[in-house]
Amino acid sequence: MEMIEHNTARGIYAASPDYIHALEVRHPARLLFVSGTMGLDERGMAADGLEGQLDLIWSNLSTILASADMTVDNIVRLTSYLRDGAFVEANQNARLRALGGRAVPTTAIIVETLRDDWLVEIEIVAAG
């Protein structure tokens, strides 16, 4: 599988260091679409605070990816659903840590979550 970043500088706003406009995936053998994943522990309880939930989300995503013999290196698309716009920077920093600084196409959306204690939810697409 080959991944090619597309960050044209002509006719569109510039991409930032943690953001790319598009990622071309050539010859993937398989795709994995992961549901929105929350910062819930094995009992279904939300972790305390935003940082705790982000840590648990990325741990949960790694577990889901491992079940498909994949890692965060296979992530090719990411959408974050944030309960509050104030969470943008913490979410960005957690994503950069989890992906080792690798940029993928990403979108962050401010939403009302299904429960007040769910602060963020992340869904991904992975290719292998």
N, C-alpha and C. Protein backbone atom coordinates (compact mmCIF):
# COMPACT_ATOMS: atom_id res chain seq x y z
N MET A 1 0.85 -1.17 0.00
CA MET A 1 0.00 0.00 0.00
C MET A 1 0.90 1.23 0.00
N GLU A 2 0.50 2.22 -0.75
CA GLU A 2 1.24 3.47 -0.84
C GLU A 2 0.33 4.63 -0.43
N MET A 3 0.86 5.54 0.40
CA MET A 3 0.11 6.72 0.81
C MET A 3 0.84 7.96 0.30
N ILE A 4 0.10 8.82 -0.40
CA ILE A 4 0.68 10.03 -0.98
C ILE A 4 -0.10 11.23 -0.49
N GLU A 5 0.60 12.17 0.15
CA GLU A 5 -0.03 13.41 0.62
C GLU A 5 -0.21 14.36 -0.54
N HIS A 6 -1.34 15.04 -0.57
CA HIS A 6 -1.61 16.06 -1.57
C HIS A 6 -1.89 17.37 -0.85
N ASN A 7 -0.94 18.30 -0.93
CA ASN A 7 -1.03 19.60 -0.27
C ASN A 7 -0.71 20.70 -1.26
N THR A 8 -1.51 20.81 -2.27
CA THR A 8 -1.27 21.85 -3.27
C THR A 8 -1.23 23.22 -2.61
N ALA A 9 -0.34 24.06 -3.08
CA ALA A 9 -0.21 25.41 -2.53
C ALA A 9 -0.84 26.45 -3.45
N ARG A 10 -1.37 26.01 -4.58
CA ARG A 10 -1.96 26.94 -5.54
C ARG A 10 -3.47 26.84 -5.53
N GLY A 11 -4.12 27.99 -5.41
CA GLY A 11 -5.56 28.06 -5.53
C GLY A 11 -6.34 27.62 -4.31
N ILE A 12 -5.67 27.39 -3.18
CA ILE A 12 -6.34 26.95 -1.96
C ILE A 12 -5.51 27.41 -0.77
N TYR A 13 -6.13 27.51 0.38
CA TYR A 13 -5.41 27.92 1.58
C TYR A 13 -4.32 26.89 1.92
N ALA A 14 -3.30 27.36 2.60
CA ALA A 14 -2.18 26.49 2.96
C ALA A 14 -2.57 25.50 4.05
N ALA A 15 -2.01 24.32 3.97
CA ALA A 15 -2.18 23.32 5.02
C ALA A 15 -1.24 23.67 6.17
N SER A 16 -1.63 23.32 7.39
CA SER A 16 -0.78 23.53 8.55
C SER A 16 0.07 22.28 8.78
N PRO A 17 1.06 22.35 9.66
CA PRO A 17 1.93 21.18 9.86
C PRO A 17 1.20 19.91 10.30
N ASP A 18 0.05 20.05 10.97
CA ASP A 18 -0.67 18.88 11.45
C ASP A 18 -1.87 18.52 10.58
N TYR A 19 -1.98 19.14 9.43
CA TYR A 19 -3.17 19.00 8.58
C TYR A 19 -2.74 18.82 7.14
N ILE A 20 -3.38 17.94 6.42
CA ILE A 20 -3.17 17.81 4.97
C ILE A 20 -4.52 17.89 4.29
N HIS A 21 -4.49 18.39 3.06
CA HIS A 21 -5.74 18.52 2.31
C HIS A 21 -6.28 17.15 1.88
N ALA A 22 -5.39 16.26 1.48
CA ALA A 22 -5.85 14.96 0.98
C ALA A 22 -4.74 13.92 1.12
N LEU A 23 -5.17 12.69 1.23
CA LEU A 23 -4.24 11.56 1.31
C LEU A 23 -4.71 10.51 0.30
N GLU A 24 -3.90 10.26 -0.67
CA GLU A 24 -4.20 9.23 -1.67
C GLU A 24 -3.67 7.90 -1.17
N VAL A 25 -4.51 6.88 -1.18
CA VAL A 25 -4.11 5.54 -0.75
C VAL A 25 -4.17 4.64 -1.98
N ARG A 26 -3.01 4.19 -2.40
CA ARG A 26 -2.95 3.32 -3.58
C ARG A 26 -2.80 1.87 -3.17
N HIS A 27 -3.60 1.05 -3.77
CA HIS A 27 -3.54 -0.41 -3.63
C HIS A 27 -3.73 -0.91 -2.20
N PRO A 28 -4.74 -0.41 -1.48
CA PRO A 28 -4.98 -1.01 -0.17
C PRO A 28 -5.60 -2.39 -0.36
N ALA A 29 -5.19 -3.32 0.46
CA ALA A 29 -5.77 -4.66 0.41
C ALA A 29 -7.09 -4.71 1.15
N ARG A 30 -7.26 -3.79 2.13
CA ARG A 30 -8.48 -3.79 2.91
C ARG A 30 -8.69 -2.43 3.56
N LEU A 31 -9.93 -2.15 3.92
CA LEU A 31 -10.30 -0.92 4.61
C LEU A 31 -11.01 -1.29 5.90
N LEU A 32 -10.79 -0.50 6.95
CA LEU A 32 -11.44 -0.69 8.23
C LEU A 32 -12.14 0.61 8.60
N PHE A 33 -13.45 0.57 8.76
CA PHE A 33 -14.24 1.74 9.15
C PHE A 33 -14.60 1.56 10.62
N VAL A 34 -14.10 2.47 11.46
CA VAL A 34 -14.29 2.35 12.90
C VAL A 34 -15.36 3.34 13.37
N SER A 35 -16.33 2.84 14.08
CA SER A 35 -17.40 3.68 14.64
C SER A 35 -16.81 4.75 15.55
N GLY A 36 -17.61 5.76 15.82
CA GLY A 36 -17.19 6.77 16.78
C GLY A 36 -16.82 6.09 18.08
N THR A 37 -15.62 6.38 18.56
CA THR A 37 -15.08 5.72 19.75
C THR A 37 -14.94 6.75 20.86
N MET A 38 -15.39 6.41 22.04
CA MET A 38 -15.41 7.34 23.16
C MET A 38 -14.39 6.95 24.22
N GLY A 39 -14.17 7.85 25.15
CA GLY A 39 -13.25 7.62 26.25
C GLY A 39 -13.92 6.88 27.38
N LEU A 40 -14.38 5.67 27.09
CA LEU A 40 -15.07 4.83 28.07
C LEU A 40 -14.18 3.66 28.44
N ASP A 41 -14.21 3.27 29.70
CA ASP A 41 -13.44 2.11 30.14
C ASP A 41 -14.22 0.82 29.83
N GLU A 42 -13.69 -0.31 30.26
CA GLU A 42 -14.31 -1.61 29.97
C GLU A 42 -15.71 -1.76 30.57
N ARG A 43 -16.01 -0.97 31.61
CA ARG A 43 -17.34 -1.03 32.22
C ARG A 43 -18.30 -0.05 31.56
N GLY A 44 -17.81 0.73 30.56
CA GLY A 44 -18.65 1.71 29.89
C GLY A 44 -18.71 3.05 30.61
N MET A 45 -17.79 3.27 31.54
CA MET A 45 -17.75 4.51 32.30
C MET A 45 -16.78 5.49 31.65
N ALA A 46 -17.21 6.75 31.55
CA ALA A 46 -16.36 7.79 30.97
C ALA A 46 -15.21 8.13 31.91
N ALA A 47 -14.02 8.30 31.34
CA ALA A 47 -12.87 8.74 32.12
C ALA A 47 -13.12 10.15 32.62
N ASP A 48 -12.47 10.51 33.72
CA ASP A 48 -12.60 11.86 34.26
C ASP A 48 -11.86 12.85 33.38
N GLY A 49 -12.52 13.90 32.98
CA GLY A 49 -11.90 15.00 32.28
C GLY A 49 -11.53 14.72 30.83
N LEU A 50 -11.24 15.79 30.13
CA LEU A 50 -10.93 15.71 28.71
C LEU A 50 -9.68 14.90 28.43
N GLU A 51 -8.58 15.18 29.14
CA GLU A 51 -7.32 14.45 28.88
C GLU A 51 -7.49 12.96 29.14
N GLY A 52 -8.19 12.61 30.21
CA GLY A 52 -8.43 11.19 30.49
C GLY A 52 -9.23 10.52 29.40
N GLN A 53 -10.24 11.22 28.89
CA GLN A 53 -11.05 10.65 27.81
C GLN A 53 -10.25 10.53 26.52
N LEU A 54 -9.44 11.53 26.21
CA LEU A 54 -8.62 11.45 24.99
C LEU A 54 -7.63 10.29 25.09
N ASP A 55 -6.98 10.13 26.25
CA ASP A 55 -6.05 9.00 26.42
C ASP A 55 -6.77 7.67 26.23
N LEU A 56 -7.95 7.55 26.80
CA LEU A 56 -8.70 6.31 26.70
C LEU A 56 -9.22 6.08 25.28
N ILE A 57 -9.62 7.13 24.60
CA ILE A 57 -10.06 6.99 23.20
C ILE A 57 -8.92 6.41 22.36
N TRP A 58 -7.74 6.98 22.49
CA TRP A 58 -6.63 6.49 21.67
C TRP A 58 -6.21 5.08 22.06
N SER A 59 -6.33 4.74 23.33
CA SER A 59 -6.08 3.37 23.75
C SER A 59 -7.13 2.43 23.16
N ASN A 60 -8.40 2.85 23.20
CA ASN A 60 -9.48 2.04 22.62
C ASN A 60 -9.30 1.88 21.11
N LEU A 61 -8.93 2.97 20.42
CA LEU A 61 -8.70 2.88 18.98
C LEU A 61 -7.55 1.93 18.66
N SER A 62 -6.49 1.99 19.46
CA SER A 62 -5.37 1.07 19.24
C SER A 62 -5.79 -0.38 19.42
N THR A 63 -6.65 -0.63 20.40
CA THR A 63 -7.15 -1.99 20.63
C THR A 63 -8.00 -2.46 19.45
N ILE A 64 -8.87 -1.58 18.96
CA ILE A 64 -9.71 -1.93 17.81
C ILE A 64 -8.84 -2.20 16.58
N LEU A 65 -7.88 -1.33 16.33
CA LEU A 65 -6.97 -1.52 15.19
C LEU A 65 -6.20 -2.83 15.31
N ALA A 66 -5.70 -3.13 16.51
CA ALA A 66 -4.94 -4.37 16.72
C ALA A 66 -5.80 -5.60 16.42
N SER A 67 -7.10 -5.51 16.69
CA SER A 67 -7.98 -6.65 16.40
C SER A 67 -8.07 -6.93 14.90
N ALA A 68 -7.70 -5.94 14.10
CA ALA A 68 -7.67 -6.11 12.64
C ALA A 68 -6.24 -6.17 12.13
N ASP A 69 -5.30 -6.46 13.02
CA ASP A 69 -3.86 -6.50 12.67
C ASP A 69 -3.41 -5.19 12.03
N MET A 70 -3.85 -4.07 12.62
CA MET A 70 -3.45 -2.74 12.16
C MET A 70 -2.96 -1.93 13.35
N THR A 71 -2.33 -0.79 13.06
CA THR A 71 -1.89 0.16 14.08
C THR A 71 -2.35 1.55 13.67
N VAL A 72 -2.02 2.54 14.49
CA VAL A 72 -2.38 3.92 14.14
C VAL A 72 -1.71 4.36 12.83
N ASP A 73 -0.66 3.68 12.42
CA ASP A 73 -0.02 3.99 11.13
C ASP A 73 -0.94 3.70 9.95
N ASN A 74 -1.98 2.90 10.16
CA ASN A 74 -2.93 2.57 9.10
C ASN A 74 -4.07 3.57 8.98
N ILE A 75 -4.17 4.52 9.92
CA ILE A 75 -5.26 5.50 9.87
C ILE A 75 -5.06 6.42 8.67
N VAL A 76 -6.12 6.55 7.86
CA VAL A 76 -6.06 7.41 6.67
C VAL A 76 -7.09 8.53 6.71
N ARG A 77 -7.99 8.53 7.70
CA ARG A 77 -9.02 9.56 7.83
C ARG A 77 -9.50 9.58 9.27
N LEU A 78 -9.75 10.79 9.80
CA LEU A 78 -10.15 10.93 11.19
C LEU A 78 -11.14 12.06 11.35
N THR A 79 -12.21 11.81 12.08
CA THR A 79 -13.19 12.85 12.42
C THR A 79 -13.36 12.88 13.93
N SER A 80 -13.22 14.08 14.50
CA SER A 80 -13.41 14.28 15.94
C SER A 80 -14.72 15.03 16.16
N TYR A 81 -15.47 14.58 17.13
CA TYR A 81 -16.71 15.24 17.54
C TYR A 81 -16.48 15.77 18.96
N LEU A 82 -16.41 17.08 19.10
CA LEU A 82 -16.07 17.70 20.38
C LEU A 82 -17.31 18.35 20.99
N ARG A 83 -17.49 18.16 22.28
CA ARG A 83 -18.63 18.76 22.98
C ARG A 83 -18.48 20.27 23.10
N ASP A 84 -17.22 20.77 23.09
CA ASP A 84 -16.97 22.19 23.30
C ASP A 84 -15.80 22.62 22.42
N GLY A 85 -15.91 23.79 21.81
CA GLY A 85 -14.84 24.32 20.98
C GLY A 85 -13.55 24.53 21.73
N ALA A 86 -13.61 24.68 23.04
CA ALA A 86 -12.42 24.85 23.86
C ALA A 86 -11.56 23.58 23.87
N PHE A 87 -12.09 22.46 23.38
CA PHE A 87 -11.36 21.19 23.39
C PHE A 87 -10.46 21.00 22.17
N VAL A 88 -10.49 21.93 21.22
CA VAL A 88 -9.78 21.76 19.95
C VAL A 88 -8.29 21.51 20.15
N GLU A 89 -7.64 22.34 20.94
CA GLU A 89 -6.18 22.21 21.09
C GLU A 89 -5.79 20.91 21.77
N ALA A 90 -6.48 20.54 22.83
CA ALA A 90 -6.18 19.28 23.53
C ALA A 90 -6.40 18.10 22.60
N ASN A 91 -7.47 18.14 21.81
CA ASN A 91 -7.76 17.07 20.85
C ASN A 91 -6.66 16.98 19.80
N GLN A 92 -6.24 18.14 19.27
CA GLN A 92 -5.16 18.18 18.28
C GLN A 92 -3.88 17.60 18.86
N ASN A 93 -3.52 18.01 20.07
CA ASN A 93 -2.28 17.53 20.70
C ASN A 93 -2.33 16.02 20.94
N ALA A 94 -3.47 15.50 21.37
CA ALA A 94 -3.61 14.06 21.59
C ALA A 94 -3.47 13.31 20.27
N ARG A 95 -4.08 13.85 19.20
CA ARG A 95 -3.98 13.21 17.89
C ARG A 95 -2.53 13.19 17.41
N LEU A 96 -1.83 14.30 17.55
CA LEU A 96 -0.43 14.37 17.11
C LEU A 96 0.43 13.39 17.90
N ARG A 97 0.21 13.28 19.21
CA ARG A 97 0.96 12.31 20.03
C ARG A 97 0.66 10.89 19.56
N ALA A 98 -0.62 10.58 19.38
CA ALA A 98 -1.01 9.22 19.02
C ALA A 98 -0.49 8.82 17.65
N LEU A 99 -0.47 9.77 16.72
CA LEU A 99 -0.02 9.47 15.36
C LEU A 99 1.47 9.75 15.15
N GLY A 100 2.17 10.11 16.21
CA GLY A 100 3.60 10.39 16.09
C GLY A 100 3.89 11.57 15.18
N GLY A 101 2.96 12.53 15.14
CA GLY A 101 3.15 13.72 14.31
C GLY A 101 2.70 13.55 12.86
N ARG A 102 2.32 12.33 12.47
CA ARG A 102 1.89 12.09 11.09
C ARG A 102 0.55 12.78 10.84
N ALA A 103 0.48 13.53 9.75
CA ALA A 103 -0.76 14.23 9.40
C ALA A 103 -1.65 13.33 8.56
N VAL A 104 -2.94 13.34 8.86
CA VAL A 104 -3.94 12.65 8.05
C VAL A 104 -5.09 13.62 7.81
N PRO A 105 -5.91 13.39 6.79
CA PRO A 105 -7.08 14.23 6.62
C PRO A 105 -7.96 14.12 7.87
N THR A 106 -8.32 15.27 8.41
CA THR A 106 -9.06 15.29 9.66
C THR A 106 -10.09 16.40 9.67
N THR A 107 -11.16 16.17 10.38
CA THR A 107 -12.20 17.17 10.57
C THR A 107 -12.59 17.15 12.05
N ALA A 108 -12.81 18.33 12.61
CA ALA A 108 -13.32 18.44 13.98
C ALA A 108 -14.65 19.16 13.93
N ILE A 109 -15.63 18.62 14.61
CA ILE A 109 -16.99 19.15 14.60
C ILE A 109 -17.43 19.35 16.05
N ILE A 110 -18.05 20.49 16.33
CA ILE A 110 -18.59 20.74 17.66
C ILE A 110 -20.03 20.24 17.67
N VAL A 111 -20.34 19.36 18.64
CA VAL A 111 -21.65 18.70 18.68
C VAL A 111 -22.17 18.63 20.11
N GLU A 112 -23.44 18.30 20.23
CA GLU A 112 -23.99 17.92 21.52
C GLU A 112 -23.91 16.41 21.58
N THR A 113 -23.19 15.88 22.55
CA THR A 113 -23.03 14.44 22.66
C THR A 113 -24.28 13.81 23.29
N LEU A 114 -24.37 12.50 23.20
CA LEU A 114 -25.55 11.81 23.70
C LEU A 114 -25.67 11.85 25.22
N ARG A 115 -24.52 11.96 25.89
CA ARG A 115 -24.51 12.09 27.35
C ARG A 115 -23.59 13.24 27.73
N ASP A 116 -23.93 13.93 28.80
CA ASP A 116 -23.14 15.09 29.23
C ASP A 116 -21.71 14.74 29.59
N ASP A 117 -21.45 13.53 30.06
CA ASP A 117 -20.09 13.17 30.47
C ASP A 117 -19.23 12.68 29.31
N TRP A 118 -19.77 12.57 28.11
CA TRP A 118 -18.99 12.22 26.93
C TRP A 118 -18.49 13.51 26.31
N LEU A 119 -17.21 13.80 26.41
CA LEU A 119 -16.66 15.07 25.99
C LEU A 119 -16.15 15.06 24.55
N VAL A 120 -15.76 13.90 24.06
CA VAL A 120 -15.21 13.80 22.71
C VAL A 120 -15.44 12.39 22.18
N GLU A 121 -15.59 12.29 20.88
CA GLU A 121 -15.76 11.00 20.20
C GLU A 121 -14.94 11.10 18.92
N ILE A 122 -14.25 10.03 18.55
CA ILE A 122 -13.42 10.03 17.35
C ILE A 122 -13.75 8.82 16.51
N GLU A 123 -13.94 9.04 15.21
CA GLU A 123 -14.10 7.92 14.28
C GLU A 123 -12.98 7.97 13.27
N ILE A 124 -12.57 6.79 12.80
CA ILE A 124 -11.45 6.70 11.88
C ILE A 124 -11.77 5.77 10.72
N VAL A 125 -10.97 5.93 9.67
CA VAL A 125 -10.90 4.96 8.58
C VAL A 125 -9.43 4.55 8.50
N ALA A 126 -9.19 3.26 8.43
CA ALA A 126 -7.83 2.74 8.31
C ALA A 126 -7.74 1.89 7.04
N ALA A 127 -6.55 1.84 6.47
CA ALA A 127 -6.32 1.05 5.27
C ALA A 127 -5.06 0.21 5.48
N GLY A 128 -5.09 -0.95 4.88
CA GLY A 128 -3.93 -1.84 5.03
C GLY A 128 -3.66 -2.61 3.79
